[in-house]
Amino acid sequence: MPRHRGGRPRPAPPVALPDDDDILSEILLRLPPQPSSLPRASLVCKRWRRLVTEPHFRRRFRARHRKPPLIGVFEDHMGHPFFRSVMDPPDLIPAERFRPPLGDGKGLNDWRIFGCRHGCLVLMNRTVKEIVLWDPLTGDRRVVAVPTELDNQDRIVWNGAVLCAAAGDPSHVHFGLSSCPFKVALVGVTSNHTQVFVCSYLSETGNWSDLASATVPFTVYCVTDPGTLVGNTLYWMPVGLGYGILEFNLDRHSLHVIEWPSSVTVSGRCTRHIMLAQNGGLGLAILSCDDLKMWERKVSSEGAAEWVLQKTHSLSKIHGMESGTEGVCVLGYAEDTNVMLLWTVFGVYMLQLDSLESRKLWETNFLCPHHPYTSIYDSVAGIQG
């Protein structure tokens, strides 16, 4: 090592990065999947911007970060859906960045969000009998007419769900509407309040399936909560003069009603929501003014099912809340991250059900459905700061 005249070693000159796009791409792939990562990298120089905007790089970036973070929610305000970020700057995404494309004004106040999953939203407008599949990140959308036999005097569509048609393939990387086929399932109730039905649509073929129907053992009025995906099955909770769980198997295209477990008691002050259990199976969250109980449905090799209490979580452990808090309710649930959004008189909270860690998001007196949006933000524009 060269030395100064005084005998001290000279500092080594800084090592320059190899002038190789492949090596630089490997380094950039290791950036965290936060919304600010790629936009900030794109501002370094033209070369970096070129690399992070290439479709091949974006696909590899998504493949490396397979678990997308929860970056915001879409709130359904009386037919006016809008986006709200749950992140702080520099990862905060302005609401105008994800403004739903709701057509030319026809029935503009009649849009409802039915589901948000795998980076895609599905919205329905009953006035014009249309659903819209929309990728907020790319802006891609598909408008699909809803068959008249699904929504008429005899049947009413109340809710739905959207998912990537290749979601069952563990090697598949979700890459938006332009690259992945999507499936939509619409769920509704007959006008005589005795049956529920599901019909599915596949974007790859552009076809609707036949109706799958099931008789409900109590008077059923509607299906208000979004569906929860557990494996290859969608679950909804019908609202009526009784309790039950709708089970729609996507592979077999079959619809059944699961009887409400006798071990799970529900009072008028409780909120119920379907969730993922610890082992990835079907679970239930029962929220009272004092605690949150999480149940798991276990099925034996003989097919016998029983519900087992997983854990009980006191609401007093949630930051800023107290036991006995009146009016606690579930606004939304993200199965990708196992996060539940709760409303209380103290504000809206984000509760991670695995770690039971919570964070207060904001305060509001307006209750509306919150549809969590998880995505690998591989765009280079549209963040605050």
Protein backbone atom coordinates (compact mmCIF):
# COMPACT_ATOMS: atom_id res chain seq x y z
CA MET A 1 0.00 0.00 0.00
CA PRO A 2 1.46 3.46 -0.92
CA ARG A 3 2.60 5.54 2.05
CA HIS A 4 2.94 9.24 2.75
CA ARG A 5 6.40 10.54 3.49
CA GLY A 6 5.50 10.44 7.18
CA GLY A 7 4.98 6.70 6.94
CA ARG A 8 1.22 6.74 7.13
CA PRO A 9 -0.66 4.71 4.50
CA ARG A 10 -2.51 6.67 1.87
CA PRO A 11 -6.31 6.15 1.78
CA ALA A 12 -7.41 3.83 -0.96
CA PRO A 13 -9.17 5.57 -3.86
CA PRO A 14 -12.99 5.08 -3.98
CA VAL A 15 -14.04 2.00 -5.87
CA ALA A 16 -16.26 2.80 -8.83
CA LEU A 17 -19.19 0.53 -9.59
CA PRO A 18 -18.66 -1.57 -12.72
CA ASP A 19 -20.18 0.04 -15.76
CA ASP A 20 -22.49 -2.89 -16.31
CA ASP A 21 -26.28 -2.69 -16.55
CA ASP A 22 -26.74 -6.27 -15.34
CA ILE A 23 -24.83 -5.68 -12.12
CA LEU A 24 -26.58 -2.36 -11.48
CA SER A 25 -29.97 -4.01 -12.09
CA GLU A 26 -29.13 -6.67 -9.50
CA ILE A 27 -28.39 -3.93 -7.00
CA LEU A 28 -31.59 -2.02 -7.78
CA LEU A 29 -33.65 -5.21 -7.47
CA ARG A 30 -32.69 -5.29 -3.81
CA LEU A 31 -34.40 -2.00 -3.03
CA PRO A 32 -37.32 -2.44 -0.61
CA PRO A 33 -40.80 -2.67 -2.20
CA GLN A 34 -41.89 0.69 -0.77
CA PRO A 35 -43.63 3.23 -3.05
CA SER A 36 -40.69 5.65 -2.84
CA SER A 37 -37.94 3.18 -3.84
CA LEU A 38 -38.14 3.16 -7.64
CA PRO A 39 -39.27 6.80 -8.07
CA ARG A 40 -36.25 7.95 -6.07
CA ALA A 41 -33.90 5.64 -7.97
CA SER A 42 -35.24 6.99 -11.27
CA LEU A 43 -34.16 10.53 -10.29
CA VAL A 44 -30.49 9.62 -9.88
CA CYS A 45 -29.70 9.72 -13.61
CA LYS A 46 -31.08 8.79 -17.01
CA ARG A 47 -29.39 5.40 -16.89
CA TRP A 48 -31.02 4.43 -13.61
CA ARG A 49 -34.39 5.65 -14.86
CA ARG A 50 -34.05 3.58 -18.01
CA LEU A 51 -33.27 0.45 -16.00
CA VAL A 52 -36.07 0.74 -13.42
CA THR A 53 -38.72 1.47 -16.08
CA GLU A 54 -37.92 -1.53 -18.26
CA PRO A 55 -40.78 -4.12 -18.19
CA HIS A 56 -38.30 -6.96 -17.62
CA PHE A 57 -36.88 -5.21 -14.55
CA ARG A 58 -40.36 -4.46 -13.18
CA ARG A 59 -41.36 -8.11 -13.57
CA ARG A 60 -38.21 -9.25 -11.75
CA PHE A 61 -38.77 -6.64 -9.05
CA ARG A 62 -42.27 -8.01 -8.42
CA ALA A 63 -41.01 -11.61 -8.49
CA ARG A 64 -38.36 -10.81 -5.88
CA HIS A 65 -40.82 -9.09 -3.54
CA ARG A 66 -43.67 -11.58 -3.60
CA LYS A 67 -45.48 -10.20 -0.55
CA PRO A 68 -46.79 -6.76 -1.51
CA PRO A 69 -47.14 -4.19 1.28
CA LEU A 70 -50.42 -2.55 2.23
CA ILE A 71 -50.07 0.92 0.74
CA GLY A 72 -53.59 2.29 1.15
CA VAL A 73 -57.33 1.76 1.14
CA PHE A 74 -60.14 2.56 -1.25
CA GLU A 75 -63.05 4.03 0.70
CA ASP A 76 -66.56 3.57 -0.65
CA HIS A 77 -68.26 6.89 0.14
CA MET A 78 -71.89 6.58 -0.99
CA GLY A 79 -71.03 5.85 -4.60
CA HIS A 80 -67.90 8.06 -4.61
CA PRO A 81 -64.90 5.72 -4.16
CA PHE A 82 -61.56 7.35 -3.43
CA PHE A 83 -58.07 6.33 -2.34
CA ARG A 84 -56.36 7.10 0.97
CA SER A 85 -52.74 6.17 1.68
CA VAL A 86 -51.82 4.46 4.96
CA MET A 87 -48.14 5.36 4.60
CA ASP A 88 -46.18 8.42 5.63
CA PRO A 89 -44.01 10.53 3.31
CA PRO A 90 -42.01 9.79 1.25
CA ASP A 91 -44.16 6.68 0.63
CA LEU A 92 -47.49 8.51 0.81
CA ILE A 93 -49.43 8.30 -2.46
CA PRO A 94 -51.79 11.22 -3.17
CA ALA A 95 -55.47 10.40 -3.64
CA GLU A 96 -55.48 11.86 -7.17
CA ARG A 97 -52.85 9.32 -8.25
CA PHE A 98 -55.45 6.53 -7.93
CA ARG A 99 -58.66 8.16 -9.12
CA PRO A 100 -61.14 5.50 -10.34
CA PRO A 101 -62.06 5.85 -14.05
CA LEU A 102 -65.84 5.92 -13.79
CA GLY A 103 -66.88 6.61 -17.33
CA ASP A 104 -68.74 9.50 -18.90
CA GLY A 105 -70.99 10.47 -16.00
CA LYS A 106 -73.84 8.00 -16.52
CA GLY A 107 -74.87 6.78 -13.10
CA LEU A 108 -71.79 8.47 -11.65
CA ASN A 109 -73.11 8.31 -8.09
CA ASP A 110 -74.05 4.63 -8.29
CA TRP A 111 -70.62 2.99 -8.29
CA ARG A 112 -69.75 0.51 -5.57
CA ILE A 113 -66.45 -1.22 -4.93
CA PHE A 114 -67.00 -4.97 -4.71
CA GLY A 115 -63.45 -6.13 -4.16
CA CYS A 116 -59.75 -5.35 -4.29
CA ARG A 117 -57.19 -8.12 -4.68
CA HIS A 118 -53.96 -8.94 -6.54
CA GLY A 119 -53.55 -5.29 -7.55
CA CYS A 120 -56.96 -5.02 -9.19
CA LEU A 121 -60.33 -3.51 -8.23
CA VAL A 122 -63.80 -4.49 -9.36
CA LEU A 123 -66.57 -1.88 -9.25
CA MET A 124 -70.22 -2.23 -10.24
CA ASN A 125 -72.80 0.26 -11.40
CA ARG A 126 -76.31 -1.11 -11.10
CA THR A 127 -77.80 1.79 -13.07
CA VAL A 128 -75.92 0.93 -16.25
CA LYS A 129 -75.50 -2.79 -15.39
CA GLU A 130 -71.70 -2.76 -15.77
CA ILE A 131 -68.66 -3.83 -13.84
CA VAL A 132 -65.24 -2.24 -14.26
CA LEU A 133 -61.98 -4.10 -13.69
CA TRP A 134 -59.30 -1.53 -12.92
CA ASP A 135 -55.57 -1.68 -12.23
CA PRO A 136 -54.81 1.54 -10.29
CA LEU A 137 -51.06 1.32 -10.86
CA THR A 138 -51.10 1.04 -14.66
CA GLY A 139 -54.50 2.63 -15.31
CA ASP A 140 -55.62 -0.39 -17.35
CA ARG A 141 -59.34 -1.12 -17.15
CA ARG A 142 -61.95 -3.45 -18.62
CA VAL A 143 -65.66 -2.66 -18.83
CA VAL A 144 -67.94 -5.70 -18.75
CA ALA A 145 -71.71 -5.80 -19.12
CA VAL A 146 -73.54 -7.68 -16.37
CA PRO A 147 -76.07 -10.20 -17.73
CA THR A 148 -79.65 -9.11 -17.11
CA GLU A 149 -80.50 -12.49 -15.52
CA LEU A 150 -78.15 -11.64 -12.63
CA ASP A 151 -79.72 -8.34 -11.60
CA ASN A 152 -83.46 -7.99 -12.17
CA GLN A 153 -86.80 -8.33 -10.39
CA ASP A 154 -85.99 -11.87 -9.26
CA ARG A 155 -82.33 -11.46 -8.28
CA ILE A 156 -80.18 -8.68 -6.86
CA VAL A 157 -76.38 -8.60 -7.00
CA TRP A 158 -75.08 -7.39 -3.64
CA ASN A 159 -71.36 -7.94 -3.70
CA GLY A 160 -68.47 -9.64 -5.43
CA ALA A 161 -64.78 -10.42 -5.51
CA VAL A 162 -61.88 -10.17 -7.95
CA LEU A 163 -58.74 -12.28 -8.15
CA CYS A 164 -55.98 -13.21 -10.57
CA ALA A 165 -57.04 -16.37 -12.39
CA ALA A 166 -53.53 -17.78 -11.90
CA ALA A 167 -53.49 -17.10 -8.14
CA GLY A 168 -53.24 -20.82 -7.37
CA ASP A 169 -49.87 -21.07 -9.15
CA PRO A 170 -47.12 -20.35 -6.57
CA SER A 171 -44.65 -19.41 -9.34
CA HIS A 172 -46.99 -16.84 -10.90
CA VAL A 173 -46.18 -13.13 -10.60
CA HIS A 174 -49.14 -10.74 -10.67
CA PHE A 175 -48.43 -8.12 -13.31
CA GLY A 176 -51.67 -6.26 -13.96
CA LEU A 177 -54.65 -6.62 -16.25
CA SER A 178 -52.59 -6.41 -19.42
CA SER A 179 -50.57 -9.53 -18.58
CA CYS A 180 -52.75 -11.63 -16.28
CA PRO A 181 -56.25 -13.06 -16.71
CA PHE A 182 -58.62 -12.06 -13.92
CA LYS A 183 -61.70 -13.73 -12.50
CA VAL A 184 -64.71 -11.95 -10.99
CA ALA A 185 -67.38 -13.54 -8.83
CA LEU A 186 -70.67 -11.73 -8.18
CA VAL A 187 -72.85 -12.82 -5.26
CA GLY A 188 -76.51 -11.96 -4.78
CA VAL A 189 -79.83 -12.82 -3.17
CA THR A 190 -83.16 -13.81 -4.71
CA SER A 191 -86.06 -11.42 -4.25
CA ASN A 192 -87.95 -13.94 -2.08
CA HIS A 193 -85.00 -13.90 0.40
CA THR A 194 -84.57 -17.69 0.42
CA GLN A 195 -81.57 -18.30 -1.84
CA VAL A 196 -78.14 -16.93 -2.63
CA PHE A 197 -76.37 -17.24 -5.96
CA VAL A 198 -72.90 -16.71 -7.48
CA CYS A 199 -71.88 -16.15 -11.08
CA SER A 200 -68.26 -15.80 -12.23
CA TYR A 201 -66.59 -14.04 -15.16
CA LEU A 202 -63.18 -14.83 -16.68
CA SER A 203 -61.41 -12.04 -18.56
CA GLU A 204 -59.41 -14.54 -20.62
CA THR A 205 -62.54 -15.87 -22.34
CA GLY A 206 -64.93 -12.96 -21.82
CA ASN A 207 -67.63 -15.42 -20.71
CA TRP A 208 -69.92 -15.61 -17.69
CA SER A 209 -70.48 -18.95 -16.00
CA ASP A 210 -73.76 -20.62 -15.16
CA LEU A 211 -75.43 -19.64 -11.90
CA ALA A 212 -74.51 -21.54 -8.75
CA SER A 213 -77.29 -21.38 -6.14
CA ALA A 214 -77.86 -22.48 -2.57
CA THR A 215 -80.83 -22.32 -0.21
CA VAL A 216 -80.26 -20.41 3.02
CA PRO A 217 -81.91 -21.87 6.19
CA PHE A 218 -83.07 -18.41 7.31
CA THR A 219 -84.42 -15.24 5.74
CA VAL A 220 -81.53 -13.55 3.94
CA TYR A 221 -81.58 -9.92 2.80
CA CYS A 222 -78.15 -9.03 1.43
CA VAL A 223 -74.39 -9.68 1.39
CA THR A 224 -72.64 -6.51 2.50
CA ASP A 225 -69.03 -7.50 3.28
CA PRO A 226 -66.42 -8.20 0.56
CA GLY A 227 -65.42 -11.79 -0.03
CA THR A 228 -62.42 -13.39 1.69
CA LEU A 229 -60.21 -15.72 -0.36
CA VAL A 230 -59.00 -18.84 1.46
CA GLY A 231 -57.09 -21.17 -0.85
CA ASN A 232 -59.28 -21.66 -3.91
CA THR A 233 -62.51 -20.72 -2.12
CA LEU A 234 -64.33 -17.43 -1.59
CA TYR A 235 -66.32 -16.83 1.58
CA TRP A 236 -69.02 -14.26 2.33
CA MET A 237 -71.25 -13.63 5.32
CA PRO A 238 -74.93 -13.08 4.45
CA VAL A 239 -77.08 -10.63 6.41
CA GLY A 240 -80.53 -11.76 7.53
CA LEU A 241 -82.52 -13.32 10.35
CA GLY A 242 -79.80 -15.80 11.17
CA TYR A 243 -76.10 -16.54 10.80
CA GLY A 244 -74.14 -18.55 8.25
CA ILE A 245 -71.16 -18.48 5.89
CA LEU A 246 -71.33 -18.74 2.09
CA GLU A 247 -68.66 -20.97 0.57
CA PHE A 248 -67.96 -20.73 -3.18
CA ASN A 249 -65.37 -23.16 -4.55
CA LEU A 250 -63.75 -21.56 -7.60
CA ASP A 251 -62.49 -24.84 -9.09
CA ARG A 252 -65.71 -26.82 -8.74
CA HIS A 253 -67.99 -23.79 -9.19
CA SER A 254 -70.09 -24.95 -6.25
CA LEU A 255 -71.89 -22.87 -3.62
CA HIS A 256 -72.74 -24.06 -0.12
CA VAL A 257 -73.94 -22.53 3.12
CA ILE A 258 -71.83 -23.42 6.18
CA GLU A 259 -73.89 -23.61 9.36
CA TRP A 260 -72.93 -21.08 12.00
CA PRO A 261 -70.84 -22.74 14.74
CA SER A 262 -72.76 -23.23 17.98
CA SER A 263 -69.57 -22.62 19.98
CA VAL A 264 -69.24 -19.07 18.58
CA THR A 265 -71.73 -16.86 20.38
CA VAL A 266 -72.72 -13.52 18.86
CA SER A 267 -74.64 -10.73 20.54
CA GLY A 268 -76.18 -7.63 19.03
CA ARG A 269 -73.12 -5.60 20.01
CA CYS A 270 -70.63 -7.86 18.21
CA THR A 271 -69.10 -7.47 14.78
CA ARG A 272 -68.28 -10.58 12.74
CA HIS A 273 -65.78 -10.95 9.93
CA ILE A 274 -64.27 -13.84 7.95
CA MET A 275 -60.48 -14.04 8.10
CA LEU A 276 -57.52 -16.32 7.43
CA ALA A 277 -56.66 -18.62 10.31
CA GLN A 278 -53.08 -19.20 11.45
CA ASN A 279 -52.69 -22.32 9.31
CA GLY A 280 -54.14 -20.60 6.24
CA GLY A 281 -57.62 -22.09 6.66
CA LEU A 282 -60.99 -20.52 7.33
CA GLY A 283 -61.21 -18.28 10.38
CA LEU A 284 -63.66 -15.99 12.12
CA ALA A 285 -63.04 -12.73 13.96
CA ILE A 286 -65.66 -11.80 16.58
CA LEU A 287 -65.25 -8.25 17.82
CA SER A 288 -67.05 -6.99 20.92
CA CYS A 289 -66.64 -3.78 22.89
CA ASP A 290 -64.07 -5.52 25.13
CA ASP A 291 -62.07 -7.96 23.04
CA LEU A 292 -61.34 -9.61 19.72
CA LYS A 293 -61.77 -13.39 19.54
CA MET A 294 -60.25 -15.31 16.61
CA TRP A 295 -61.61 -18.76 15.73
CA GLU A 296 -60.32 -21.41 13.35
CA ARG A 297 -62.33 -24.06 11.48
CA LYS A 298 -60.59 -27.42 11.56
CA VAL A 299 -61.71 -30.33 9.39
CA SER A 300 -60.71 -33.89 10.29
CA SER A 301 -59.69 -36.57 7.80
CA GLU A 302 -63.24 -37.94 8.08
CA GLY A 303 -64.66 -34.56 7.06
CA ALA A 304 -65.97 -33.55 10.49
CA ALA A 305 -65.54 -29.82 11.17
CA GLU A 306 -65.12 -28.03 14.49
CA TRP A 307 -64.33 -24.45 15.47
CA VAL A 308 -61.42 -23.84 17.84
CA LEU A 309 -60.64 -20.58 19.62
CA GLN A 310 -57.18 -19.41 18.51
CA LYS A 311 -56.66 -16.35 20.68
CA THR A 312 -58.40 -13.55 22.53
CA HIS A 313 -57.05 -10.02 22.26
CA SER A 314 -58.11 -7.28 24.68
CA LEU A 315 -58.98 -4.00 22.97
CA SER A 316 -57.20 -2.16 25.77
CA LYS A 317 -53.92 -3.35 24.20
CA ILE A 318 -54.66 -1.41 21.03
CA HIS A 319 -52.97 1.97 21.27
CA GLY A 320 -55.41 4.71 22.28
CA MET A 321 -58.37 2.41 22.91
CA GLU A 322 -60.05 1.24 26.09
CA SER A 323 -62.01 -1.85 27.08
CA GLY A 324 -65.74 -1.20 26.96
CA THR A 325 -65.41 1.02 23.88
CA GLU A 326 -68.85 1.23 22.26
CA GLY A 327 -69.43 0.96 18.55
CA VAL A 328 -66.25 -0.85 17.48
CA CYS A 329 -66.63 -2.26 13.97
CA VAL A 330 -64.59 -3.79 11.17
CA LEU A 331 -64.15 -1.54 8.12
CA GLY A 332 -62.04 -3.89 6.03
CA TYR A 333 -59.68 -6.83 5.93
CA ALA A 334 -56.61 -7.69 3.81
CA GLU A 335 -55.86 -11.40 3.61
CA ASP A 336 -52.48 -10.74 1.87
CA THR A 337 -51.12 -9.08 5.01
CA ASN A 338 -53.69 -10.40 7.54
CA VAL A 339 -54.50 -6.84 8.54
CA MET A 340 -57.88 -5.67 9.87
CA LEU A 341 -59.09 -2.07 9.75
CA LEU A 342 -61.16 -1.08 12.78
CA TRP A 343 -63.30 1.97 13.49
CA THR A 344 -63.84 3.30 17.00
CA VAL A 345 -64.79 6.64 18.52
CA PHE A 346 -61.02 7.18 18.90
CA GLY A 347 -60.29 6.79 15.19
CA VAL A 348 -59.47 4.24 12.49
CA TYR A 349 -56.87 1.63 13.46
CA MET A 350 -54.82 -0.87 11.47
CA LEU A 351 -54.43 -4.14 13.41
CA GLN A 352 -51.98 -6.83 12.29
CA LEU A 353 -53.63 -10.07 13.42
CA ASP A 354 -50.46 -12.20 13.53
CA SER A 355 -48.39 -9.89 15.72
CA LEU A 356 -51.39 -8.05 17.26
CA GLU A 357 -49.52 -4.79 16.64
CA SER A 358 -51.75 -1.78 15.94
CA ARG A 359 -51.40 1.72 14.55
CA LYS A 360 -53.83 4.61 14.50
CA LEU A 361 -54.35 5.89 10.97
CA TRP A 362 -56.75 8.84 11.20
CA GLU A 363 -59.89 10.14 12.86
CA THR A 364 -63.30 10.20 11.18
CA ASN A 365 -66.97 10.11 12.07
CA PHE A 366 -67.98 8.70 8.69
CA LEU A 367 -68.26 4.91 8.51
CA CYS A 368 -67.89 3.29 5.10
CA PRO A 369 -66.32 0.12 3.67
CA HIS A 370 -62.52 0.21 3.41
CA HIS A 371 -60.96 -1.97 0.70
CA PRO A 372 -57.26 -2.52 1.46
CA TYR A 373 -54.96 -2.11 -1.52
CA THR A 374 -51.73 -4.13 -1.51
CA SER A 375 -49.31 -3.79 -4.41
CA ILE A 376 -45.68 -3.74 -5.44
CA TYR A 377 -45.38 -0.10 -6.47
CA ASP A 378 -43.14 -0.39 -9.53
CA SER A 379 -44.11 2.92 -11.08
CA VAL A 380 -41.70 5.89 -11.04
CA ALA A 381 -44.32 8.58 -10.55
CA GLY A 382 -47.08 9.70 -8.25
CA ILE A 383 -45.69 9.79 -4.70
CA GLN A 384 -45.62 12.74 -2.35
CA GLY A 385 -42.18 14.25 -1.72
